[in-house]
PDB file of N, CA and C in Angstrom:
ATOM      1  N   ASN A   1      -0.822  17.476 -13.367  1.00  0.00           N
ATOM      2  CA  ASN A   1       0.126  18.195 -13.127  1.00  0.00           C
ATOM      3  C   ASN A   1      -0.042  18.122 -11.672  1.00  0.00           C
ATOM      4  N   LEU A   2       0.788  18.131 -10.436  1.00  0.00           N
ATOM      5  CA  LEU A   2       0.982  18.248  -9.326  1.00  0.00           C
ATOM      6  C   LEU A   2       1.413  19.984  -9.414  1.00  0.00           C
ATOM      7  N   PRO A   3       1.096  20.385  -8.554  1.00  0.00           N
ATOM      8  CA  PRO A   3       1.504  21.976  -8.329  1.00  0.00           C
ATOM      9  C   PRO A   3       2.853  21.798  -7.537  1.00  0.00           C
ATOM     10  N   PRO A   4       3.648  22.810  -7.650  1.00  0.00           N
ATOM     11  CA  PRO A   4       4.687  22.745  -6.805  1.00  0.00           C
ATOM     12  C   PRO A   4       4.468  23.023  -5.146  1.00  0.00           C
ATOM     13  N   LYS A   5       5.245  22.089  -4.191  1.00  0.00           N
ATOM     14  CA  LYS A   5       5.133  22.080  -2.890  1.00  0.00           C
ATOM     15  C   LYS A   5       4.986  23.458  -2.564  1.00  0.00           C
ATOM     16  N   GLU A   6       5.822  24.565  -3.106  1.00  0.00           N
ATOM     17  CA  GLU A   6       5.794  25.935  -2.407  1.00  0.00           C
ATOM     18  C   GLU A   6       4.515  26.884  -2.437  1.00  0.00           C
ATOM     19  N   GLU A   7       3.969  26.388  -3.960  1.00  0.00           N
ATOM     20  CA  GLU A   7       2.574  26.891  -4.248  1.00  0.00           C
ATOM     21  C   GLU A   7       1.267  26.686  -3.182  1.00  0.00           C
ATOM     22  N   VAL A   8       1.490  25.159  -2.792  1.00  0.00           N
ATOM     23  CA  VAL A   8       0.576  24.261  -2.143  1.00  0.00           C
ATOM     24  C   VAL A   8       0.505  24.891  -0.704  1.00  0.00           C
ATOM     25  N   TYR A   9       1.933  24.773  -0.101  1.00  0.00           N
ATOM     26  CA  TYR A   9       1.875  25.351   1.311  1.00  0.00           C
ATOM     27  C   TYR A   9       1.767  26.963   1.373  1.00  0.00           C
ATOM     28  N   ASN A  10       2.085  27.860   0.419  1.00  0.00           N
ATOM     29  CA  ASN A  10       1.786  29.409   0.621  1.00  0.00           C
ATOM     30  C   ASN A  10       0.612  29.933  -0.195  1.00  0.00           C
ATOM     31  N   SER A  11       0.183  29.236  -0.864  1.00  0.00           N
ATOM     32  CA  SER A  11      -1.002  30.062  -1.580  1.00  0.00           C
ATOM     33  C   SER A  11      -2.612  29.318  -1.691  1.00  0.00           C
ATOM     34  N   ILE A  12      -3.337  29.801  -1.538  1.00  0.00           N
ATOM     35  CA  ILE A  12      -4.948  29.063  -1.551  1.00  0.00           C
ATOM     36  C   ILE A  12      -5.005  28.435  -2.913  1.00  0.00           C
ATOM     37  N   GLU A  13      -4.493  29.283  -4.198  1.00  0.00           N
ATOM     38  CA  GLU A  13      -4.773  28.349  -5.367  1.00  0.00           C
ATOM     39  C   GLU A  13      -3.961  27.308  -5.535  1.00  0.00           C
ATOM     40  N   GLY A  14      -2.925  27.442  -4.626  1.00  0.00           N
ATOM     41  CA  GLY A  14      -1.848  26.105  -4.943  1.00  0.00           C
ATOM     42  C   GLY A  14      -2.902  24.880  -4.374  1.00  0.00           C
ATOM     43  N   LEU A  15      -3.189  25.289  -2.902  1.00  0.00           N
ATOM     44  CA  LEU A  15      -4.166  24.603  -2.214  1.00  0.00           C
ATOM     45  C   LEU A  15      -5.270  23.700  -2.782  1.00  0.00           C
ATOM     46  N   ILE A  16      -5.860  24.898  -3.770  1.00  0.00           N
ATOM     47  CA  ILE A  16      -7.161  24.168  -4.406  1.00  0.00           C
ATOM     48  C   ILE A  16      -6.703  23.137  -5.595  1.00  0.00           C
ATOM     49  N   HIS A  17      -5.892  23.466  -6.254  1.00  0.00           N
ATOM     50  CA  HIS A  17      -5.624  22.913  -7.610  1.00  0.00           C
ATOM     51  C   HIS A  17      -4.989  21.458  -6.988  1.00  0.00           C
ATOM     52  N   HIS A  18      -4.572  21.221  -5.516  1.00  0.00           N
ATOM     53  CA  HIS A  18      -4.046  20.140  -5.204  1.00  0.00           C
ATOM     54  C   HIS A  18      -5.700  19.242  -4.597  1.00  0.00           C
ATOM     55  N   PHE A  19      -6.101  19.967  -4.172  1.00  0.00           N
ATOM     56  CA  PHE A  19      -7.657  18.884  -4.061  1.00  0.00           C
ATOM     57  C   PHE A  19      -8.455  18.952  -5.002  1.00  0.00           C
ATOM     58  N   GLU A  20      -8.147  19.640  -6.042  1.00  0.00           N
ATOM     59  CA  GLU A  20      -8.957  19.015  -7.258  1.00  0.00           C
ATOM     60  C   GLU A  20      -8.549  17.979  -8.228  1.00  0.00           C
ATOM     61  N   ILE A  21      -7.279  17.383  -7.832  1.00  0.00           N
ATOM     62  CA  ILE A  21      -6.608  16.357  -8.584  1.00  0.00           C
ATOM     63  C   ILE A  21      -7.290  15.099  -8.021  1.00  0.00           C
ATOM     64  N   THR A  22      -8.036  15.227  -6.688  1.00  0.00           N
ATOM     65  CA  THR A  22      -8.303  14.029  -6.034  1.00  0.00           C
ATOM     66  C   THR A  22     -10.034  13.975  -5.934  1.00  0.00           C
ATOM     67  N   MET A  23     -10.574  15.022  -6.303  1.00  0.00           N
ATOM     68  CA  MET A  23     -11.687  15.308  -6.527  1.00  0.00           C
ATOM     69  C   MET A  23     -12.734  14.058  -7.551  1.00  0.00           C
ATOM     70  N   PRO A  24     -13.866  13.770  -7.608  1.00  0.00           N
ATOM     71  CA  PRO A  24     -14.023  13.012  -8.941  1.00  0.00           C
ATOM     72  C   PRO A  24     -14.398  13.760 -10.173  1.00  0.00           C
ATOM     73  N   ASN A  25     -14.545  13.454 -10.925  1.00  0.00           N
ATOM     74  CA  ASN A  25     -14.745  14.272 -12.135  1.00  0.00           C
ATOM     75  C   ASN A  25     -13.362  15.170 -13.070  1.00  0.00           C
ATOM     76  N   ARG A  26     -12.393  15.115 -11.803  1.00  0.00           N
ATOM     77  CA  ARG A  26     -11.079  16.185 -12.261  1.00  0.00           C
ATOM     78  C   ARG A  26      -9.736  15.406 -11.873  1.00  0.00           C
ATOM     79  N   GLY A  27      -8.924  15.697 -11.865  1.00  0.00           N
ATOM     80  CA  GLY A  27      -7.830  15.574 -12.080  1.00  0.00           C
ATOM     81  C   GLY A  27      -7.136  14.946 -12.730  1.00  0.00           C
ATOM     82  N   MET A  28      -6.278  13.889 -12.957  1.00  0.00           N
ATOM     83  CA  MET A  28      -5.423  13.344 -13.770  1.00  0.00           C
ATOM     84  C   MET A  28      -6.135  11.892 -14.422  1.00  0.00           C
ATOM     85  N   GLU A  29      -5.956  11.863 -15.640  1.00  0.00           N
ATOM     86  CA  GLU A  29      -5.807  10.295 -16.167  1.00  0.00           C
ATOM     87  C   GLU A  29      -4.668  10.001 -16.504  1.00  0.00           C
ATOM     88  N   PRO A  30      -4.612   8.408 -15.444  1.00  0.00           N
ATOM     89  CA  PRO A  30      -3.291   7.829 -16.124  1.00  0.00           C
ATOM     90  C   PRO A  30      -3.869   6.899 -17.321  1.00  0.00           C
ATOM     91  N   PRO A  31      -2.214   6.571 -17.969  1.00  0.00           N
ATOM     92  CA  PRO A  31      -2.765   5.886 -19.261  1.00  0.00           C
ATOM     93  C   PRO A  31      -3.222   4.509 -18.782  1.00  0.00           C
ATOM     94  N   VAL A  32      -3.567   3.733 -19.654  1.00  0.00           N
ATOM     95  CA  VAL A  32      -4.129   2.541 -19.795  1.00  0.00           C
ATOM     96  C   VAL A  32      -3.198   1.680 -19.729  1.00  0.00           C
ATOM     97  N   GLY A  33      -2.734   0.405 -18.631  1.00  0.00           N
ATOM     98  CA  GLY A  33      -2.155  -0.463 -17.937  1.00  0.00           C
ATOM     99  C   GLY A  33      -1.793  -0.495 -16.512  1.00  0.00           C
ATOM    100  N   GLU A  34      -0.659  -1.122 -16.212  1.00  0.00           N
ATOM    101  CA  GLU A  34      -0.875  -1.577 -14.745  1.00  0.00           C
ATOM    102  C   GLU A  34       0.450  -1.584 -14.309  1.00  0.00           C
ATOM    103  N   SER A  35       0.435  -1.324 -13.163  1.00  0.00           N
ATOM    104  CA  SER A  35       2.095  -0.764 -12.516  1.00  0.00           C
ATOM    105  C   SER A  35       2.098  -1.471 -11.034  1.00  0.00           C
ATOM    106  N   TYR A  36       3.111  -1.875 -10.632  1.00  0.00           N
ATOM    107  CA  TYR A  36       3.390  -2.481  -9.322  1.00  0.00           C
ATOM    108  C   TYR A  36       4.474  -1.532  -8.473  1.00  0.00           C
ATOM    109  N   VAL A  37       4.154  -1.272  -7.540  1.00  0.00           N
ATOM    110  CA  VAL A  37       5.148  -0.223  -6.617  1.00  0.00           C
ATOM    111  C   VAL A  37       5.443  -0.738  -5.521  1.00  0.00           C
ATOM    112  N   PRO A  38       6.393  -1.256  -5.375  1.00  0.00           N
ATOM    113  CA  PRO A  38       7.140  -1.584  -4.096  1.00  0.00           C
ATOM    114  C   PRO A  38       8.053  -0.774  -3.265  1.00  0.00           C
ATOM    115  N   THR A  39       7.830  -0.328  -2.007  1.00  0.00           N
ATOM    116  CA  THR A  39       8.470   0.452  -1.041  1.00  0.00           C
ATOM    117  C   THR A  39       8.887  -0.470  -0.039  1.00  0.00           C
ATOM    118  N   GLU A  40       9.834  -0.014   0.626  1.00  0.00           N
ATOM    119  CA  GLU A  40      10.769  -0.443   2.079  1.00  0.00           C
ATOM    120  C   GLU A  40       9.392  -0.307   3.283  1.00  0.00           C
ATOM    121  N   SER A  41       9.115  -0.751   3.915  1.00  0.00           N
ATOM    122  CA  SER A  41       8.357  -0.326   5.283  1.00  0.00           C
ATOM    123  C   SER A  41       9.012  -1.230   6.575  1.00  0.00           C
ATOM    124  N   PRO A  42       8.919  -0.630   7.558  1.00  0.00           N
ATOM    125  CA  PRO A  42       9.883  -1.373   8.524  1.00  0.00           C
ATOM    126  C   PRO A  42       9.619  -2.950   8.757  1.00  0.00           C
ATOM    127  N   ASN A  43       8.356  -3.554   8.538  1.00  0.00           N
ATOM    128  CA  ASN A  43       8.455  -4.875   8.491  1.00  0.00           C
ATOM    129  C   ASN A  43       8.881  -5.795   7.119  1.00  0.00           C
ATOM    130  N   GLY A  44       8.938  -4.980   5.782  1.00  0.00           N
ATOM    131  CA  GLY A  44       9.129  -5.588   4.660  1.00  0.00           C
ATOM    132  C   GLY A  44       9.094  -4.684   3.860  1.00  0.00           C
ATOM    133  N   GLU A  45       8.539  -5.622   2.782  1.00  0.00           N
ATOM    134  CA  GLU A  45       7.969  -5.071   1.381  1.00  0.00           C
ATOM    135  C   GLU A  45       6.618  -4.618   1.287  1.00  0.00           C
ATOM    136  N   LEU A  46       6.493  -3.215   1.044  1.00  0.00           N
ATOM    137  CA  LEU A  46       4.832  -2.784   0.994  1.00  0.00           C
ATOM    138  C   LEU A  46       4.887  -2.557  -0.379  1.00  0.00           C
ATOM    139  N   GLY A  47       3.576  -3.446  -1.158  1.00  0.00           N
ATOM    140  CA  GLY A  47       3.451  -3.186  -2.697  1.00  0.00           C
ATOM    141  C   GLY A  47       2.228  -2.733  -2.936  1.00  0.00           C
ATOM    142  N   TYR A  48       1.986  -2.128  -3.639  1.00  0.00           N
ATOM    143  CA  TYR A  48       1.023  -1.648  -4.555  1.00  0.00           C
ATOM    144  C   TYR A  48       0.540  -2.209  -6.194  1.00  0.00           C
ATOM    145  N   TYR A  49      -0.419  -2.509  -6.209  1.00  0.00           N
ATOM    146  CA  TYR A  49      -0.811  -2.935  -7.835  1.00  0.00           C
ATOM    147  C   TYR A  49      -1.556  -2.237  -8.073  1.00  0.00           C
ATOM    148  N   ILE A  50      -1.495  -1.618  -9.241  1.00  0.00           N
ATOM    149  CA  ILE A  50      -2.949  -0.663  -9.654  1.00  0.00           C
ATOM    150  C   ILE A  50      -2.866  -0.716 -11.380  1.00  0.00           C
ATOM    151  N   VAL A  51      -4.278  -1.418 -11.276  1.00  0.00           N
ATOM    152  CA  VAL A  51      -4.512  -1.562 -13.213  1.00  0.00           C
ATOM    153  C   VAL A  51      -5.349   0.064 -13.294  1.00  0.00           C
ATOM    154  N   SER A  52      -5.261   0.182 -14.583  1.00  0.00           N
ATOM    155  CA  SER A  52      -5.726   1.450 -15.186  1.00  0.00           C
ATOM    156  C   SER A  52      -6.227   1.174 -16.462  1.00  0.00           C
ATOM    157  N   ASN A  53      -7.675   1.359 -16.672  1.00  0.00           N
ATOM    158  CA  ASN A  53      -8.501   1.250 -17.821  1.00  0.00           C
ATOM    159  C   ASN A  53      -8.595   2.537 -18.790  1.00  0.00           C
ATOM    160  N   GLY A  54      -7.546   3.931 -18.080  1.00  0.00           N
ATOM    161  CA  GLY A  54      -7.884   5.201 -18.886  1.00  0.00           C
ATOM    162  C   GLY A  54      -8.627   6.021 -18.233  1.00  0.00           C
ATOM    163  N   GLY A  55      -9.773   5.780 -17.008  1.00  0.00           N
ATOM    164  CA  GLY A  55     -10.330   6.336 -16.346  1.00  0.00           C
ATOM    165  C   GLY A  55      -9.616   7.432 -15.294  1.00  0.00           C
ATOM    166  N   ARG A  56     -10.606   8.157 -14.709  1.00  0.00           N
ATOM    167  CA  ARG A  56      -9.725   8.585 -13.575  1.00  0.00           C
ATOM    168  C   ARG A  56      -9.724   8.135 -12.176  1.00  0.00           C
ATOM    169  N   THR A  57     -10.265   6.863 -12.352  1.00  0.00           N
ATOM    170  CA  THR A  57     -10.236   6.433 -10.837  1.00  0.00           C
ATOM    171  C   THR A  57      -9.723   4.661 -11.116  1.00  0.00           C
ATOM    172  N   PRO A  58      -9.038   4.308 -10.717  1.00  0.00           N
ATOM    173  CA  PRO A  58      -8.286   3.182 -10.959  1.00  0.00           C
ATOM    174  C   PRO A  58      -9.436   1.827 -10.973  1.00  0.00           C
ATOM    175  N   TYR A  59      -9.312   0.981 -11.938  1.00  0.00           N
ATOM    176  CA  TYR A  59     -10.054  -0.195 -12.154  1.00  0.00           C
ATOM    177  C   TYR A  59      -9.842  -1.173 -11.206  1.00  0.00           C
ATOM    178  N   ARG A  60      -8.560  -1.079 -10.512  1.00  0.00           N
ATOM    179  CA  ARG A  60      -7.856  -2.350  -9.698  1.00  0.00           C
ATOM    180  C   ARG A  60      -7.267  -1.711  -8.856  1.00  0.00           C
ATOM    181  N   VAL A  61      -7.265  -2.057  -7.688  1.00  0.00           N
ATOM    182  CA  VAL A  61      -6.040  -1.650  -6.754  1.00  0.00           C
ATOM    183  C   VAL A  61      -5.557  -2.680  -5.460  1.00  0.00           C
ATOM    184  N   ARG A  62      -4.692  -3.177  -5.520  1.00  0.00           N
ATOM    185  CA  ARG A  62      -4.671  -4.041  -4.353  1.00  0.00           C
ATOM    186  C   ARG A  62      -3.593  -3.716  -3.361  1.00  0.00           C
ATOM    187  N   THR A  63      -3.196  -4.119  -2.292  1.00  0.00           N
ATOM    188  CA  THR A  63      -2.193  -3.568  -1.478  1.00  0.00           C
ATOM    189  C   THR A  63      -1.463  -5.302  -0.889  1.00  0.00           C
ATOM    190  N   ARG A  64      -0.052  -4.875  -1.203  1.00  0.00           N
ATOM    191  CA  ARG A  64       0.499  -6.280  -0.614  1.00  0.00           C
ATOM    192  C   ARG A  64       1.492  -5.923   0.881  1.00  0.00           C
ATOM    193  N   PRO A  65       0.921  -6.163   1.948  1.00  0.00           N
ATOM    194  CA  PRO A  65       1.321  -5.535   3.201  1.00  0.00           C
ATOM    195  C   PRO A  65       2.434  -6.736   3.347  1.00  0.00           C
ATOM    196  N   PRO A  66       3.479  -6.428   4.340  1.00  0.00           N
ATOM    197  CA  PRO A  66       4.631  -6.853   4.533  1.00  0.00           C
ATOM    198  C   PRO A  66       4.000  -8.078   5.627  1.00  0.00           C
ATOM    199  N   SER A  67       3.249  -7.932   6.756  1.00  0.00           N
ATOM    200  CA  SER A  67       2.979  -8.856   7.294  1.00  0.00           C
ATOM    201  C   SER A  67       1.814  -9.776   6.795  1.00  0.00           C
ATOM    202  N   PHE A  68       1.223  -9.640   5.832  1.00  0.00           N
ATOM    203  CA  PHE A  68       0.348 -10.597   4.989  1.00  0.00           C
ATOM    204  C   PHE A  68       1.340 -11.991   4.853  1.00  0.00           C
ATOM    205  N   ILE A  69       2.522 -11.556   3.875  1.00  0.00           N
ATOM    206  CA  ILE A  69       3.495 -12.205   2.935  1.00  0.00           C
ATOM    207  C   ILE A  69       4.435 -12.948   4.286  1.00  0.00           C
ATOM    208  N   ASN A  70       4.701 -12.209   5.530  1.00  0.00           N
ATOM    209  CA  ASN A  70       5.471 -13.103   6.396  1.00  0.00           C
ATOM    210  C   ASN A  70       4.822 -13.901   6.971  1.00  0.00           C
ATOM    211  N   TYR A  71       3.338 -14.164   7.205  1.00  0.00           N
ATOM    212  CA  TYR A  71       2.452 -14.691   8.014  1.00  0.00           C
ATOM    213  C   TYR A  71       2.570 -15.999   7.181  1.00  0.00           C
ATOM    214  N   SER A  72       2.450 -15.626   5.927  1.00  0.00           N
ATOM    215  CA  SER A  72       2.339 -17.334   5.018  1.00  0.00           C
ATOM    216  C   SER A  72       3.256 -18.095   5.169  1.00  0.00           C
ATOM    217  N   ILE A  73       4.456 -17.798   5.650  1.00  0.00           N
ATOM    218  CA  ILE A  73       5.574 -18.947   5.674  1.00  0.00           C
ATOM    219  C   ILE A  73       5.090 -19.623   7.547  1.00  0.00           C
ATOM    220  N   PHE A  74       4.128 -18.958   8.308  1.00  0.00           N
ATOM    221  CA  PHE A  74       4.358 -19.353   9.619  1.00  0.00           C
ATOM    222  C   PHE A  74       4.118 -20.992   9.681  1.00  0.00           C
ATOM    223  N   SER A  75       3.621 -21.420   8.855  1.00  0.00           N
ATOM    224  CA  SER A  75       3.458 -22.917   8.927  1.00  0.00           C
ATOM    225  C   SER A  75       4.614 -23.611   8.675  1.00  0.00           C
ATOM    226  N   ARG A  76       5.148 -23.459   7.715  1.00  0.00           N
ATOM    227  CA  ARG A  76       6.563 -24.052   7.388  1.00  0.00           C
ATOM    228  C   ARG A  76       7.541 -23.950   8.726  1.00  0.00           C
ATOM    229  N   ILE A  77       7.735 -22.770   9.060  1.00  0.00           N
ATOM    230  CA  ILE A  77       8.379 -22.321  10.497  1.00  0.00           C
ATOM    231  C   ILE A  77       8.361 -23.401  11.620  1.00  0.00           C
ATOM    232  N   MET A  78       6.528 -23.752  11.846  1.00  0.00           N
ATOM    233  CA  MET A  78       6.268 -24.310  12.814  1.00  0.00           C
ATOM    234  C   MET A  78       6.373 -25.756  12.290  1.00  0.00           C
ATOM    235  N   ASP A  79       6.658 -26.141  11.674  1.00  0.00           N
ATOM    236  CA  ASP A  79       6.880 -27.523  10.960  1.00  0.00           C
ATOM    237  C   ASP A  79       8.059 -28.253  11.896  1.00  0.00           C
ATOM    238  N   GLY A  80       7.485 -29.255  12.565  1.00  0.00           N
ATOM    239  CA  GLY A  80       8.587 -29.834  13.529  1.00  0.00           C
ATOM    240  C   GLY A  80       8.553 -29.279  14.842  1.00  0.00           C
ATOM    241  N   LEU A  81       8.167 -27.950  14.965  1.00  0.00           N
ATOM    242  CA  LEU A  81       8.306 -27.402  16.405  1.00  0.00           C
ATOM    243  C   LEU A  81       7.100 -27.805  17.310  1.00  0.00           C
ATOM    244  N   MET A  82       7.263 -27.471  18.547  1.00  0.00           N
ATOM    245  CA  MET A  82       6.228 -27.339  19.743  1.00  0.00           C
ATOM    246  C   MET A  82       5.375 -26.282  19.523  1.00  0.00           C
ATOM    247  N   LEU A  83       3.752 -26.728  19.775  1.00  0.00           N
ATOM    248  CA  LEU A  83       2.983 -25.581  20.044  1.00  0.00           C
ATOM    249  C   LEU A  83       3.412 -24.661  20.779  1.00  0.00           C
ATOM    250  N   SER A  84       3.863 -24.567  21.840  1.00  0.00           N
ATOM    251  CA  SER A  84       4.177 -23.398  22.770  1.00  0.00           C
ATOM    252  C   SER A  84       5.170 -22.782  22.140  1.00  0.00           C
ATOM    253  N   ASP A  85       5.906 -23.010  21.313  1.00  0.00           N
ATOM    254  CA  ASP A  85       6.639 -22.148  20.328  1.00  0.00           C
ATOM    255  C   ASP A  85       6.211 -21.417  19.620  1.00  0.00           C
ATOM    256  N   ALA A  86       4.952 -21.142  19.126  1.00  0.00           N
ATOM    257  CA  ALA A  86       4.228 -20.230  18.117  1.00  0.00           C
ATOM    258  C   ALA A  86       4.176 -18.964  19.064  1.00  0.00           C
ATOM    259  N   VAL A  87       3.849 -19.013  20.188  1.00  0.00           N
ATOM    260  CA  VAL A  87       3.941 -17.669  20.949  1.00  0.00           C
ATOM    261  C   VAL A  87       5.121 -16.627  20.772  1.00  0.00           C
ATOM    262  N   ALA A  88       6.190 -17.243  20.802  1.00  0.00           N
ATOM    263  CA  ALA A  88       7.819 -16.642  20.906  1.00  0.00           C
ATOM    264  C   ALA A  88       7.769 -16.461  19.401  1.00  0.00           C
ATOM    265  N   ILE A  89       7.716 -17.366  18.370  1.00  0.00           N
ATOM    266  CA  ILE A  89       7.747 -17.089  16.787  1.00  0.00           C
ATOM    267  C   ILE A  89       6.641 -16.152  16.399  1.00  0.00           C
ATOM    268  N   LEU A  90       5.673 -15.763  16.578  1.00  0.00           N
ATOM    269  CA  LEU A  90       4.606 -14.690  16.227  1.00  0.00           C
ATOM    270  C   LEU A  90       5.350 -13.590  17.068  1.00  0.00           C
ATOM    271  N   GLY A  91       5.640 -13.558  17.968  1.00  0.00           N
ATOM    272  CA  GLY A  91       6.136 -12.398  18.639  1.00  0.00           C
ATOM    273  C   GLY A  91       7.430 -11.603  17.748  1.00  0.00           C
ATOM    274  N   SER A  92       8.369 -12.650  17.472  1.00  0.00           N
ATOM    275  CA  SER A  92       9.658 -12.449  16.953  1.00  0.00           C
ATOM    276  C   SER A  92       9.458 -11.835  15.332  1.00  0.00           C
ATOM    277  N   MET A  93       8.389 -12.320  14.607  1.00  0.00           N
ATOM    278  CA  MET A  93       8.295 -11.518  13.376  1.00  0.00           C
ATOM    279  C   MET A  93       7.396 -10.346  13.025  1.00  0.00           C
ATOM    280  N   ASN A  94       6.826  -9.942  14.329  1.00  0.00           N
ATOM    281  CA  ASN A  94       6.180  -8.769  14.621  1.00  0.00           C
ATOM    282  C   ASN A  94       5.210  -8.456  13.562  1.00  0.00           C
ATOM    283  N   ILE A  95       3.988  -9.648  13.758  1.00  0.00           N
ATOM    284  CA  ILE A  95       3.065  -9.409  12.540  1.00  0.00           C
ATOM    285  C   ILE A  95       2.076  -8.597  13.410  1.00  0.00           C
ATOM    286  N   ILE A  96       1.664  -7.671  12.289  1.00  0.00           N
ATOM    287  CA  ILE A  96       0.613  -6.504  12.583  1.00  0.00           C
ATOM    288  C   ILE A  96      -1.043  -7.204  12.197  1.00  0.00           C
ATOM    289  N   ALA A  97      -1.788  -7.897  12.886  1.00  0.00           N
ATOM    290  CA  ALA A  97      -2.791  -8.371  12.972  1.00  0.00           C
ATOM    291  C   ALA A  97      -4.257  -7.596  11.649  1.00  0.00           C
ATOM    292  N   GLY A  98      -3.899  -6.237  12.005  1.00  0.00           N
ATOM    293  CA  GLY A  98      -4.748  -5.541  10.936  1.00  0.00           C
ATOM    294  C   GLY A  98      -4.575  -5.967   9.436  1.00  0.00           C
ATOM    295  N   GLU A  99      -2.989  -6.546   9.468  1.00  0.00           N
ATOM    296  CA  GLU A  99      -2.782  -6.076   7.806  1.00  0.00           C
ATOM    297  C   GLU A  99      -3.288  -7.806   7.342  1.00  0.00           C
ATOM    298  N   LEU A 100      -3.814  -8.629   8.496  1.00  0.00           N
ATOM    299  CA  LEU A 100      -3.864  -9.863   7.939  1.00  0.00           C
ATOM    300  C   LEU A 100      -5.295 -10.234   7.558  1.00  0.00           C
ATOM    301  N   ASP A 101      -6.249  -8.907   7.865  1.00  0.00           N
ATOM    302  CA  ASP A 101      -7.856  -8.940   7.946  1.00  0.00           C
ATOM    303  C   ASP A 101      -7.951  -9.039   6.325  1.00  0.00           C
ATOM    304  N   ARG A 102      -8.414  -9.880   5.845  1.00  0.00           N
ATOM    305  CA  ARG A 102      -8.653  -9.826   4.320  1.00  0.00           C
ATOM    306  C   ARG A 102     -10.409 -10.420   3.807  1.00  0.00           C
TER     307      ARG A 102
END
């Protein structure tokens, strides 16, 4: 369990407990299973897919950034348009190149 925020900001014991949760061989053990958590971000849906085998570290974690999904439809948008339109279309899509690097 996470300590209450008041303890984290106001006492050293609460801060230590907070950091112990993220340390190896300490912290919480999530149940076996999988979960997808979508959150709203400025460019679209940002999602995290997590698979747990019951250990302290996740078995698999995948991130679904919004720019990666938005860029996947770029070829459909460009179908039938001129190459010179690509710059304006990419600029209007607000693609973040760091999210495309896989």
